[in-house]
Structure formats: C-alpha cells, structure tokens
Amino acid sequence: MRNPGGVGSVAIALSAAAAMLAGAVTARAQVMGAGPADRPPVDAASATRVKTTWTESCASCHGADARGTEKGKNLIRSVMVLHDRNGSEIGPYLKKGHPAGAATTFTDAQINDLAQFLRQRVNDSFRSSPIFEPRNVLTGNAKAGEAFFNGPGRCSTCHSPTGDLAGIGKKYEPIDLQQRMVFPRPPQGRGGAAAKPTRATATVTVTPPSGQAVSGVLVELNDFTVTLRDDAGVTRTFERTKDLKVQKNDPLAAHREMLDTLTDANIHDLVAYLETLK
C-alpha cells in the first residue's frame, strides 16, 4: 500500500527538459523500459473527456490525481501505466477483471481516454511540466535508508558508499538523487547518442541464423529491428525475424524493476541516506 501523504514529494523528479528529451527515441530504445526519456504525446481532449468516468469509477481508490490512497496504489509510479500506450497495457488488464471487483465494461474508447488521462498525470509530475512544483524530498529516515540499502534493498550488492557513491550527496541535490535512483539513465554522448560504454551501458548480442554473433552497445531495439554499435564504432541494424537471436544485457534493469516495488517510505529513506554521503 502506498502512503498517499508522501506521493507528492516522491514526484517523478526529472532533470531539465532539454537534457532529458535530447535523443528521446534513442534513449527509449536503449533502455526499453519506463523512464523520463520515454514521453509519448497526450491527447488532451481525451484526458479531459474521461474525467467524469475517472471520478465515478477510479478516484475513490486511486485518488483524484491517480497518486493513490489507502485503498488503492499510486498509478503515477505503476510500471504498467508507464509502459502503456493508448490502452495497450491497462486495456487487457481491465478487460480480464479488476482484482478489486471494479467495473470492467469500459469501451475501447474509454480505455484509450483513461490511458491518456493517466499519461497526462505522469507527465505533469515531470520537472519540465509547467505545473511541476519541487517539493522537499528529505522527509525520510537516513538510518532506515542505510539499513534498507545494506539489507532488503540489496543496493550494496552493486553500490558502495565509499566507492561509486562516495560524495554523491554533495554532487547532487536531493530531488536529483531521487530521480537518478528511480529513473537511472545510461550515459549519452552528443545529441543523445550512446556514449562510450560504461558499466551502466546496455549491450546486445545478435546471432543471425547463419553467421557469427555480433555484439555491441544497444542503440535501438523494437519489434522490427535491432541496432547496435560494435567495438569498431560501426552501427549495424538487423531485421528481427523468428530465427534471429537477440540477447540484451541491461545493467540498470534492477533499478527499473524496483520502480513498482519500492514504497514511498523506502524512497524517502534511501534519499535521506544518500544525501549524507558527502
């Protein structure tokens, strides 16, 4: 259960719009997951049209702004919602039966409108949104954050307060610490292109049905093609057929997967702890 009182300060805090949106398509393809670079457009008319439906069928559990209540989860941080495109995820979910017994008789048009409404709520929580209001995110317990970091959060399996995280509290503002933790991004070069590979860079190995496997930095991966940059700096694109084997390695996958499992208290506590590493 999410804590609705803390959701506002756990807004999906993003860095400046220009930096985040540069090369959005490439960044989205690299991570193939939820993140600030993945911002599909919103049909404002659809989002407005469905407000009555939202109020009548959804708001009592998920809140007027979809940030959750004691009865329903925060949908702003739902991986399903972040992955959704015009009802592609929430449509099948609602049609097969809502676990809380909510009505599942929404039409396809209503589902699309609901998807637009939720996407609008997500986008409004971005720092680049004209209605975004930075809030104090240092409301957690640093000691609890340290315990979670070294314990159930398993952060210490990859990170060290005296190694890669040394001085991070001095390097970043709390709101940016939160963003980098919840929505990590691989390093990028000019124009959003993949930068020199680091341990956070997504890579891919492509094996054609006849031929030698090719590995490199993942540039783009979609339903139709996969593009990589090999060690020689050559960009290569392969058509995705049933015989083409594609093995992706995303070092940041664990961060993306934890988005829908961390509680608001976990996030606040972790940020409070990271802020002490100066």
C-alpha atoms as a PDB file:
ATOM      1  CA  MET A   1       0.000   0.000   0.000  1.00  0.00           C
ATOM      2  CA  ARG A   2       1.394   3.393  -0.945  1.00  0.00           C
ATOM      3  CA  ASN A   3       1.461   6.250   1.510  1.00  0.00           C
ATOM      4  CA  PRO A   4      -0.655   8.930  -0.167  1.00  0.00           C
ATOM      5  CA  GLY A   5       0.815  11.627   2.041  1.00  0.00           C
ATOM      6  CA  GLY A   6       4.277  11.076   0.617  1.00  0.00           C
ATOM      7  CA  VAL A   7       3.435  10.597  -3.034  1.00  0.00           C
ATOM      8  CA  GLY A   8       3.627  14.269  -3.928  1.00  0.00           C
ATOM      9  CA  SER A   9       7.195  14.566  -2.723  1.00  0.00           C
ATOM     10  CA  VAL A  10       8.011  11.320  -4.497  1.00  0.00           C
ATOM     11  CA  ALA A  11       7.082  13.019  -7.765  1.00  0.00           C
ATOM     12  CA  ILE A  12       8.961  11.504 -10.657  1.00  0.00           C
ATOM     13  CA  ALA A  13      11.599  14.201 -10.399  1.00  0.00           C
ATOM     14  CA  LEU A  14      13.336  14.729 -13.706  1.00  0.00           C
ATOM     15  CA  SER A  15      16.204  16.927 -14.736  1.00  0.00           C
ATOM     16  CA  ALA A  16      15.939  19.820 -17.153  1.00  0.00           C
ATOM     17  CA  ALA A  17      13.672  19.225 -20.128  1.00  0.00           C
ATOM     18  CA  ALA A  18      16.281  19.827 -22.791  1.00  0.00           C
ATOM     19  CA  ALA A  19      18.737  17.349 -21.323  1.00  0.00           C
ATOM     20  CA  MET A  20      16.079  14.748 -20.755  1.00  0.00           C
ATOM     21  CA  LEU A  21      14.442  14.967 -24.162  1.00  0.00           C
ATOM     22  CA  ALA A  22      17.571  15.120 -26.307  1.00  0.00           C
ATOM     23  CA  GLY A  23      17.633  11.975 -28.331  1.00  0.00           C
ATOM     24  CA  ALA A  24      14.461  10.674 -26.684  1.00  0.00           C
ATOM     25  CA  VAL A  25      13.891   7.950 -29.247  1.00  0.00           C
ATOM     26  CA  THR A  26      17.401   6.602 -28.904  1.00  0.00           C
ATOM     27  CA  ALA A  27      17.296   6.739 -25.119  1.00  0.00           C
ATOM     28  CA  ARG A  28      13.942   4.990 -25.027  1.00  0.00           C
ATOM     29  CA  ALA A  29      15.164   2.248 -27.310  1.00  0.00           C
ATOM     30  CA  GLN A  30      18.311   1.744 -25.272  1.00  0.00           C
ATOM     31  CA  VAL A  31      16.540   1.026 -22.034  1.00  0.00           C
ATOM     32  CA  MET A  32      13.300  -0.421 -23.425  1.00  0.00           C
ATOM     33  CA  GLY A  33      11.545   0.472 -20.224  1.00  0.00           C
ATOM     34  CA  ALA A  34       9.909   3.181 -18.167  1.00  0.00           C
ATOM     35  CA  GLY A  35      11.856   6.372 -17.843  1.00  0.00           C
ATOM     36  CA  PRO A  36      11.940  10.125 -18.322  1.00  0.00           C
ATOM     37  CA  ALA A  37      13.111   9.886 -21.928  1.00  0.00           C
ATOM     38  CA  ASP A  38      10.024   7.903 -22.848  1.00  0.00           C
ATOM     39  CA  ARG A  39       7.287  10.512 -23.069  1.00  0.00           C
ATOM     40  CA  PRO A  40       4.583   9.732 -25.607  1.00  0.00           C
ATOM     41  CA  PRO A  41       2.251  12.614 -26.541  1.00  0.00           C
ATOM     42  CA  VAL A  42      -1.043  13.069 -24.724  1.00  0.00           C
ATOM     43  CA  ASP A  43      -4.413  13.748 -26.328  1.00  0.00           C
ATOM     44  CA  ALA A  44      -5.609  16.499 -24.004  1.00  0.00           C
ATOM     45  CA  ALA A  45      -9.205  16.227 -25.240  1.00  0.00           C
ATOM     46  CA  SER A  46      -9.306  12.516 -24.354  1.00  0.00           C
ATOM     47  CA  ALA A  47      -7.766  13.147 -20.954  1.00  0.00           C
ATOM     48  CA  THR A  48     -10.384  15.795 -20.214  1.00  0.00           C
ATOM     49  CA  ARG A  49     -13.296  13.800 -21.613  1.00  0.00           C
ATOM     50  CA  VAL A  50     -12.725  10.863 -19.264  1.00  0.00           C
ATOM     51  CA  LYS A  51     -12.517  12.825 -16.012  1.00  0.00           C
ATOM     52  CA  THR A  52     -16.123  12.046 -15.113  1.00  0.00           C
ATOM     53  CA  THR A  53     -15.527   8.334 -15.663  1.00  0.00           C
ATOM     54  CA  TRP A  54     -12.372   8.517 -13.577  1.00  0.00           C
ATOM     55  CA  THR A  55     -14.183  10.280 -10.742  1.00  0.00           C
ATOM     56  CA  GLU A  56     -17.044   7.791 -10.734  1.00  0.00           C
ATOM     57  CA  SER A  57     -15.090   4.540 -11.186  1.00  0.00           C
ATOM     58  CA  CYS A  58     -11.471   5.062 -10.114  1.00  0.00           C
ATOM     59  CA  ALA A  59     -10.879   8.076  -7.889  1.00  0.00           C
ATOM     60  CA  SER A  60     -12.260   6.563  -4.683  1.00  0.00           C
ATOM     61  CA  CYS A  61      -9.312   4.131  -4.592  1.00  0.00           C
ATOM     62  CA  HIS A  62      -6.601   5.755  -6.699  1.00  0.00           C
ATOM     63  CA  GLY A  63      -7.288   9.387  -5.859  1.00  0.00           C
ATOM     64  CA  ALA A  64      -8.403  12.315  -7.981  1.00  0.00           C
ATOM     65  CA  ASP A  65      -4.881  12.713  -9.392  1.00  0.00           C
ATOM     66  CA  ALA A  66      -4.049   8.968  -9.567  1.00  0.00           C
ATOM     67  CA  ARG A  67      -1.474   9.290  -6.781  1.00  0.00           C
ATOM     68  CA  GLY A  68      -3.106   6.638  -4.645  1.00  0.00           C
ATOM     69  CA  THR A  69      -4.984   6.384  -1.378  1.00  0.00           C
ATOM     70  CA  GLU A  70      -5.025   3.912   1.482  1.00  0.00           C
ATOM     71  CA  LYS A  71      -7.359   1.787  -0.646  1.00  0.00           C
ATOM     72  CA  GLY A  72      -5.503   1.851  -3.948  1.00  0.00           C
ATOM     73  CA  LYS A  73      -1.974   2.161  -5.282  1.00  0.00           C
ATOM     74  CA  ASN A  74      -0.250   5.147  -6.786  1.00  0.00           C
ATOM     75  CA  LEU A  75      -0.659   4.763 -10.547  1.00  0.00           C
ATOM     76  CA  ILE A  76       1.861   7.502 -11.339  1.00  0.00           C
ATOM     77  CA  ARG A  77       4.597   5.020 -10.450  1.00  0.00           C
ATOM     78  CA  SER A  78       2.889   1.934 -11.871  1.00  0.00           C
ATOM     79  CA  VAL A  79       5.127   0.136 -14.350  1.00  0.00           C
ATOM     80  CA  MET A  80       2.003  -0.987 -16.209  1.00  0.00           C
ATOM     81  CA  VAL A  81       0.902   2.622 -16.666  1.00  0.00           C
ATOM     82  CA  LEU A  82       4.389   3.778 -17.651  1.00  0.00           C
ATOM     83  CA  HIS A  83       4.594   1.032 -20.285  1.00  0.00           C
ATOM     84  CA  ASP A  84       1.069   1.672 -21.566  1.00  0.00           C
ATOM     85  CA  ARG A  85       0.464   3.145 -24.992  1.00  0.00           C
ATOM     86  CA  ASN A  86      -3.164   4.109 -25.696  1.00  0.00           C
ATOM     87  CA  GLY A  87      -4.512   1.320 -23.519  1.00  0.00           C
ATOM     88  CA  SER A  88      -2.104  -1.396 -24.681  1.00  0.00           C
ATOM     89  CA  GLU A  89      -1.429  -2.496 -21.076  1.00  0.00           C
ATOM     90  CA  ILE A  90      -4.328  -1.267 -18.977  1.00  0.00           C
ATOM     91  CA  GLY A  91      -6.915  -2.374 -21.570  1.00  0.00           C
ATOM     92  CA  PRO A  92      -6.222  -6.125 -21.316  1.00  0.00           C
ATOM     93  CA  TYR A  93      -5.792  -5.769 -17.544  1.00  0.00           C
ATOM     94  CA  LEU A  94      -9.208  -4.182 -17.063  1.00  0.00           C
ATOM     95  CA  LYS A  95     -10.969  -6.481 -19.505  1.00  0.00           C
ATOM     96  CA  LYS A  96      -9.858  -9.659 -17.754  1.00  0.00           C
ATOM     97  CA  GLY A  97     -11.226  -8.434 -14.444  1.00  0.00           C
ATOM     98  CA  HIS A  98     -10.024  -5.918 -11.889  1.00  0.00           C
ATOM     99  CA  PRO A  99      -8.872  -7.612  -8.654  1.00  0.00           C
ATOM    100  CA  ALA A 100     -10.867  -5.124  -6.579  1.00  0.00           C
ATOM    101  CA  GLY A 101     -14.039  -6.029  -8.435  1.00  0.00           C
ATOM    102  CA  ALA A 102     -14.261  -2.718 -10.282  1.00  0.00           C
ATOM    103  CA  ALA A 103     -16.372  -2.473 -13.398  1.00  0.00           C
ATOM    104  CA  THR A 104     -14.704  -3.976 -16.448  1.00  0.00           C
ATOM    105  CA  THR A 105     -17.235  -2.831 -19.009  1.00  0.00           C
ATOM    106  CA  PHE A 106     -15.194   0.075 -20.296  1.00  0.00           C
ATOM    107  CA  THR A 107     -15.336   0.501 -24.046  1.00  0.00           C
ATOM    108  CA  ASP A 108     -12.136   0.634 -26.086  1.00  0.00           C
ATOM    109  CA  ALA A 109     -12.677   4.385 -26.467  1.00  0.00           C
ATOM    110  CA  GLN A 110     -12.984   4.829 -22.699  1.00  0.00           C
ATOM    111  CA  ILE A 111      -9.871   2.744 -22.095  1.00  0.00           C
ATOM    112  CA  ASN A 112      -7.933   4.921 -24.519  1.00  0.00           C
ATOM    113  CA  ASP A 113      -9.218   8.023 -22.743  1.00  0.00           C
ATOM    114  CA  LEU A 114      -8.218   6.566 -19.355  1.00  0.00           C
ATOM    115  CA  ALA A 115      -4.749   5.851 -20.740  1.00  0.00           C
ATOM    116  CA  GLN A 116      -4.470   9.465 -21.905  1.00  0.00           C
ATOM    117  CA  PHE A 117      -5.624  10.730 -18.501  1.00  0.00           C
ATOM    118  CA  LEU A 118      -3.042   8.635 -16.665  1.00  0.00           C
ATOM    119  CA  ARG A 119      -0.259   9.590 -19.055  1.00  0.00           C
ATOM    120  CA  GLN A 120      -1.140  13.235 -18.512  1.00  0.00           C
ATOM    121  CA  ARG A 121      -0.882  12.745 -14.743  1.00  0.00           C
ATOM    122  CA  VAL A 122       2.539  11.112 -15.201  1.00  0.00           C
ATOM    123  CA  ASN A 123       3.789  13.906 -17.452  1.00  0.00           C
ATOM    124  CA  ASP A 124       2.547  16.531 -15.003  1.00  0.00           C
ATOM    125  CA  SER A 125       4.912  15.098 -12.390  1.00  0.00           C
ATOM    126  CA  PHE A 126       7.960  15.731 -14.601  1.00  0.00           C
ATOM    127  CA  ARG A 127      10.116  18.689 -13.792  1.00  0.00           C
ATOM    128  CA  SER A 128       9.629  20.006 -17.319  1.00  0.00           C
ATOM    129  CA  SER A 129       5.874  20.235 -16.778  1.00  0.00           C
ATOM    130  CA  PRO A 130       4.568  23.805 -16.402  1.00  0.00           C
ATOM    131  CA  ILE A 131       2.654  22.744 -13.271  1.00  0.00           C
ATOM    132  CA  PHE A 132       5.533  20.861 -11.625  1.00  0.00           C
ATOM    133  CA  GLU A 133       6.331  22.113  -8.130  1.00  0.00           C
ATOM    134  CA  PRO A 134       9.557  20.919  -6.495  1.00  0.00           C
ATOM    135  CA  ARG A 135       8.899  19.631  -3.004  1.00  0.00           C
ATOM    136  CA  ASN A 136      11.047  18.705  -0.073  1.00  0.00           C
ATOM    137  CA  VAL A 137      12.098  15.080  -0.535  1.00  0.00           C
ATOM    138  CA  LEU A 138      14.261  14.948   2.586  1.00  0.00           C
ATOM    139  CA  THR A 139      11.465  13.612   4.761  1.00  0.00           C
ATOM    140  CA  GLY A 140      12.850  10.118   5.334  1.00  0.00           C
ATOM    141  CA  ASN A 141      14.999   8.496   7.976  1.00  0.00           C
ATOM    142  CA  ALA A 142      18.654   8.223   6.964  1.00  0.00           C
ATOM    143  CA  LYS A 143      19.328   5.348   9.381  1.00  0.00           C
ATOM    144  CA  ALA A 144      16.380   3.396   7.974  1.00  0.00           C
ATOM    145  CA  GLY A 145      17.647   4.168   4.475  1.00  0.00           C
ATOM    146  CA  GLU A 146      21.091   2.818   5.337  1.00  0.00           C
ATOM    147  CA  ALA A 147      19.548  -0.352   6.774  1.00  0.00           C
ATOM    148  CA  PHE A 148      17.445  -0.826   3.638  1.00  0.00           C
ATOM    149  CA  PHE A 149      20.475  -0.103   1.419  1.00  0.00           C
ATOM    150  CA  ASN A 150      22.525  -2.818   3.111  1.00  0.00           C
ATOM    151  CA  GLY A 151      19.613  -5.155   3.780  1.00  0.00           C
ATOM    152  CA  PRO A 152      16.370  -5.912   1.925  1.00  0.00           C
ATOM    153  CA  GLY A 153      17.005  -3.301  -0.770  1.00  0.00           C
ATOM    154  CA  ARG A 154      20.203  -5.150  -1.766  1.00  0.00           C
ATOM    155  CA  CYS A 155      21.660  -1.866  -3.024  1.00  0.00           C
ATOM    156  CA  SER A 156      25.037  -2.758  -1.525  1.00  0.00           C
ATOM    157  CA  THR A 157      25.380  -5.721  -3.894  1.00  0.00           C
ATOM    158  CA  CYS A 158      26.180  -3.245  -6.682  1.00  0.00           C
ATOM    159  CA  HIS A 159      26.973   0.044  -4.921  1.00  0.00           C
ATOM    160  CA  SER A 160      29.314   1.204  -2.179  1.00  0.00           C
ATOM    161  CA  PRO A 161      29.087   4.384  -0.061  1.00  0.00           C
ATOM    162  CA  THR A 162      32.886   4.562  -0.108  1.00  0.00           C
ATOM    163  CA  GLY A 163      33.191   3.576  -3.778  1.00  0.00           C
ATOM    164  CA  ASP A 164      30.907   4.611  -6.633  1.00  0.00           C
ATOM    165  CA  LEU A 165      28.592   6.571  -4.304  1.00  0.00           C
ATOM    166  CA  ALA A 166      31.309   8.401  -2.366  1.00  0.00           C
ATOM    167  CA  GLY A 167      30.432  12.091  -2.214  1.00  0.00           C
ATOM    168  CA  ILE A 168      27.167  11.660  -4.119  1.00  0.00           C
ATOM    169  CA  GLY A 169      25.254  13.687  -1.527  1.00  0.00           C
ATOM    170  CA  LYS A 170      27.495  16.660  -2.269  1.00  0.00           C
ATOM    171  CA  LYS A 171      27.322  16.184  -6.016  1.00  0.00           C
ATOM    172  CA  TYR A 172      23.534  16.127  -6.424  1.00  0.00           C
ATOM    173  CA  GLU A 173      20.546  17.867  -4.888  1.00  0.00           C
ATOM    174  CA  PRO A 174      18.114  15.534  -3.061  1.00  0.00           C
ATOM    175  CA  ILE A 175      15.499  15.747  -5.806  1.00  0.00           C
ATOM    176  CA  ASP A 176      18.135  14.703  -8.353  1.00  0.00           C
ATOM    177  CA  LEU A 177      19.327  11.857  -6.140  1.00  0.00           C
ATOM    178  CA  GLN A 178      15.761  10.600  -6.137  1.00  0.00           C
ATOM    179  CA  GLN A 179      15.457  10.862  -9.895  1.00  0.00           C
ATOM    180  CA  ARG A 180      18.728   9.083 -10.581  1.00  0.00           C
ATOM    181  CA  MET A 181      17.749   6.264  -8.255  1.00  0.00           C
ATOM    182  CA  VAL A 182      14.239   5.710  -9.601  1.00  0.00           C
ATOM    183  CA  PHE A 183      14.901   6.556 -13.257  1.00  0.00           C
ATOM    184  CA  PRO A 184      18.588   5.864 -13.969  1.00  0.00           C
ATOM    185  CA  ARG A 185      19.808   6.582 -17.478  1.00  0.00           C
ATOM    186  CA  PRO A 186      22.762   5.157 -19.379  1.00  0.00           C
ATOM    187  CA  PRO A 187      25.418   7.733 -20.268  1.00  0.00           C
ATOM    188  CA  GLN A 188      24.807   9.592 -23.517  1.00  0.00           C
ATOM    189  CA  GLY A 189      27.024  11.468 -25.906  1.00  0.00           C
ATOM    190  CA  ARG A 190      26.154  14.434 -28.067  1.00  0.00           C
ATOM    191  CA  GLY A 191      22.646  14.585 -29.449  1.00  0.00           C
ATOM    192  CA  GLY A 192      21.517  11.696 -27.242  1.00  0.00           C
ATOM    193  CA  ALA A 193      23.735   9.161 -28.987  1.00  0.00           C
ATOM    194  CA  ALA A 194      25.152   6.303 -26.972  1.00  0.00           C
ATOM    195  CA  ALA A 195      28.325   7.419 -25.235  1.00  0.00           C
ATOM    196  CA  LYS A 196      31.474   5.404 -24.627  1.00  0.00           C
ATOM    197  CA  PRO A 197      30.354   2.198 -22.910  1.00  0.00           C
ATOM    198  CA  THR A 198      30.445   2.101 -19.136  1.00  0.00           C
ATOM    199  CA  ARG A 199      29.229  -0.495 -16.680  1.00  0.00           C
ATOM    200  CA  ALA A 200      25.759   1.118 -16.928  1.00  0.00           C
ATOM    201  CA  THR A 201      25.526   0.851 -20.709  1.00  0.00           C
ATOM    202  CA  ALA A 202      23.023  -1.557 -22.231  1.00  0.00           C
ATOM    203  CA  THR A 203      24.589  -4.007 -24.688  1.00  0.00           C
ATOM    204  CA  VAL A 204      23.215  -6.620 -27.039  1.00  0.00           C
ATOM    205  CA  THR A 205      24.415  -9.732 -28.847  1.00  0.00           C
ATOM    206  CA  VAL A 206      22.743 -10.589 -32.145  1.00  0.00           C
ATOM    207  CA  THR A 207      23.138 -14.022 -33.700  1.00  0.00           C
ATOM    208  CA  PRO A 208      21.830 -14.453 -37.272  1.00  0.00           C
ATOM    209  CA  PRO A 209      20.508 -17.902 -38.313  1.00  0.00           C
ATOM    210  CA  SER A 210      23.674 -18.361 -40.354  1.00  0.00           C
ATOM    211  CA  GLY A 211      26.673 -16.339 -39.371  1.00  0.00           C
ATOM    212  CA  GLN A 212      28.766 -15.133 -36.463  1.00  0.00           C
ATOM    213  CA  ALA A 213      27.311 -13.440 -33.402  1.00  0.00           C
ATOM    214  CA  VAL A 214      27.718  -9.671 -33.292  1.00  0.00           C
ATOM    215  CA  SER A 215      27.872  -7.717 -30.038  1.00  0.00           C
ATOM    216  CA  GLY A 216      27.892  -4.038 -29.218  1.00  0.00           C
ATOM    217  CA  VAL A 217      26.247  -1.116 -27.484  1.00  0.00           C
ATOM    218  CA  LEU A 218      22.489  -1.213 -27.861  1.00  0.00           C
ATOM    219  CA  VAL A 219      21.310   1.740 -29.947  1.00  0.00           C
ATOM    220  CA  GLU A 220      17.731   0.728 -30.715  1.00  0.00           C
ATOM    221  CA  LEU A 221      15.543  -2.289 -30.092  1.00  0.00           C
ATOM    222  CA  ASN A 222      11.941  -2.534 -31.232  1.00  0.00           C
ATOM    223  CA  ASP A 223       9.528  -5.108 -32.619  1.00  0.00           C
ATOM    224  CA  PHE A 224      11.030  -4.907 -36.089  1.00  0.00           C
ATOM    225  CA  THR A 225      14.756  -4.181 -35.874  1.00  0.00           C
ATOM    226  CA  VAL A 226      17.711  -4.155 -33.517  1.00  0.00           C
ATOM    227  CA  THR A 227      20.542  -1.663 -33.970  1.00  0.00           C
ATOM    228  CA  LEU A 228      23.906  -1.798 -32.238  1.00  0.00           C
ATOM    229  CA  ARG A 229      27.264  -0.069 -32.372  1.00  0.00           C
ATOM    230  CA  ASP A 230      30.160  -2.528 -32.440  1.00  0.00           C
ATOM    231  CA  ASP A 231      33.635  -2.110 -30.952  1.00  0.00           C
ATOM    232  CA  ALA A 232      34.856  -0.509 -34.169  1.00  0.00           C
ATOM    233  CA  GLY A 233      32.210   2.184 -33.886  1.00  0.00           C
ATOM    234  CA  VAL A 234      30.204   0.802 -36.797  1.00  0.00           C
ATOM    235  CA  THR A 235      26.425   0.980 -36.441  1.00  0.00           C
ATOM    236  CA  ARG A 236      24.649  -2.152 -37.660  1.00  0.00           C
ATOM    237  CA  THR A 237      20.934  -2.871 -37.970  1.00  0.00           C
ATOM    238  CA  PHE A 238      19.322  -6.310 -38.154  1.00  0.00           C
ATOM    239  CA  GLU A 239      15.764  -7.184 -39.074  1.00  0.00           C
ATOM    240  CA  ARG A 240      14.103  -9.094 -36.267  1.00  0.00           C
ATOM    241  CA  THR A 241      12.958 -12.419 -37.642  1.00  0.00           C
ATOM    242  CA  LYS A 242      11.966 -15.564 -35.766  1.00  0.00           C
ATOM    243  CA  ASP A 243      15.406 -17.044 -36.481  1.00  0.00           C
ATOM    244  CA  LEU A 244      17.381 -14.039 -35.236  1.00  0.00           C
ATOM    245  CA  LYS A 245      18.584 -14.458 -31.655  1.00  0.00           C
ATOM    246  CA  VAL A 246      18.773 -11.274 -29.608  1.00  0.00           C
ATOM    247  CA  GLN A 247      20.324 -11.293 -26.152  1.00  0.00           C
ATOM    248  CA  LYS A 248      20.104  -7.994 -24.296  1.00  0.00           C
ATOM    249  CA  ASN A 249      22.119  -7.059 -21.214  1.00  0.00           C
ATOM    250  CA  ASP A 250      20.801  -4.072 -19.278  1.00  0.00           C
ATOM    251  CA  PRO A 251      22.885  -3.347 -16.153  1.00  0.00           C
ATOM    252  CA  LEU A 252      20.186  -0.934 -14.974  1.00  0.00           C
ATOM    253  CA  ALA A 253      17.375  -3.495 -15.182  1.00  0.00           C
ATOM    254  CA  ALA A 254      17.281  -3.951 -11.411  1.00  0.00           C
ATOM    255  CA  HIS A 255      16.596  -0.238 -10.958  1.00  0.00           C
ATOM    256  CA  ARG A 256      13.761  -0.316 -13.449  1.00  0.00           C
ATOM    257  CA  GLU A 257      12.220  -3.416 -11.913  1.00  0.00           C
ATOM    258  CA  MET A 258      12.205  -1.934  -8.424  1.00  0.00           C
ATOM    259  CA  LEU A 259      10.106   1.048  -9.527  1.00  0.00           C
ATOM    260  CA  ASP A 260       6.853  -0.715  -8.747  1.00  0.00           C
ATOM    261  CA  THR A 261       8.057  -2.472  -5.597  1.00  0.00           C
ATOM    262  CA  LEU A 262       9.645   0.334  -3.566  1.00  0.00           C
ATOM    263  CA  THR A 263       7.317   2.056  -1.147  1.00  0.00           C
ATOM    264  CA  ASP A 264       7.350   5.811  -0.784  1.00  0.00           C
ATOM    265  CA  ALA A 265       8.947   5.331   2.636  1.00  0.00           C
ATOM    266  CA  ASN A 266      11.750   3.270   1.061  1.00  0.00           C
ATOM    267  CA  ILE A 267      12.455   6.020  -1.455  1.00  0.00           C
ATOM    268  CA  HIS A 268      12.407   8.815   1.116  1.00  0.00           C
ATOM    269  CA  ASP A 269      14.659   6.862   3.470  1.00  0.00           C
ATOM    270  CA  LEU A 270      17.140   5.986   0.714  1.00  0.00           C
ATOM    271  CA  VAL A 271      17.334   9.588  -0.467  1.00  0.00           C
ATOM    272  CA  ALA A 272      17.868  10.761   3.113  1.00  0.00           C
ATOM    273  CA  TYR A 273      20.720   8.245   3.455  1.00  0.00           C
ATOM    274  CA  LEU A 274      22.345   9.074   0.110  1.00  0.00           C
ATOM    275  CA  GLU A 275      22.225  12.773   0.988  1.00  0.00           C
ATOM    276  CA  THR A 276      24.528  12.054   3.959  1.00  0.00           C
ATOM    277  CA  LEU A 277      27.275  10.658   1.692  1.00  0.00           C
ATOM    278  CA  LYS A 278      29.342  13.819   1.358  1.00  0.00           C
END
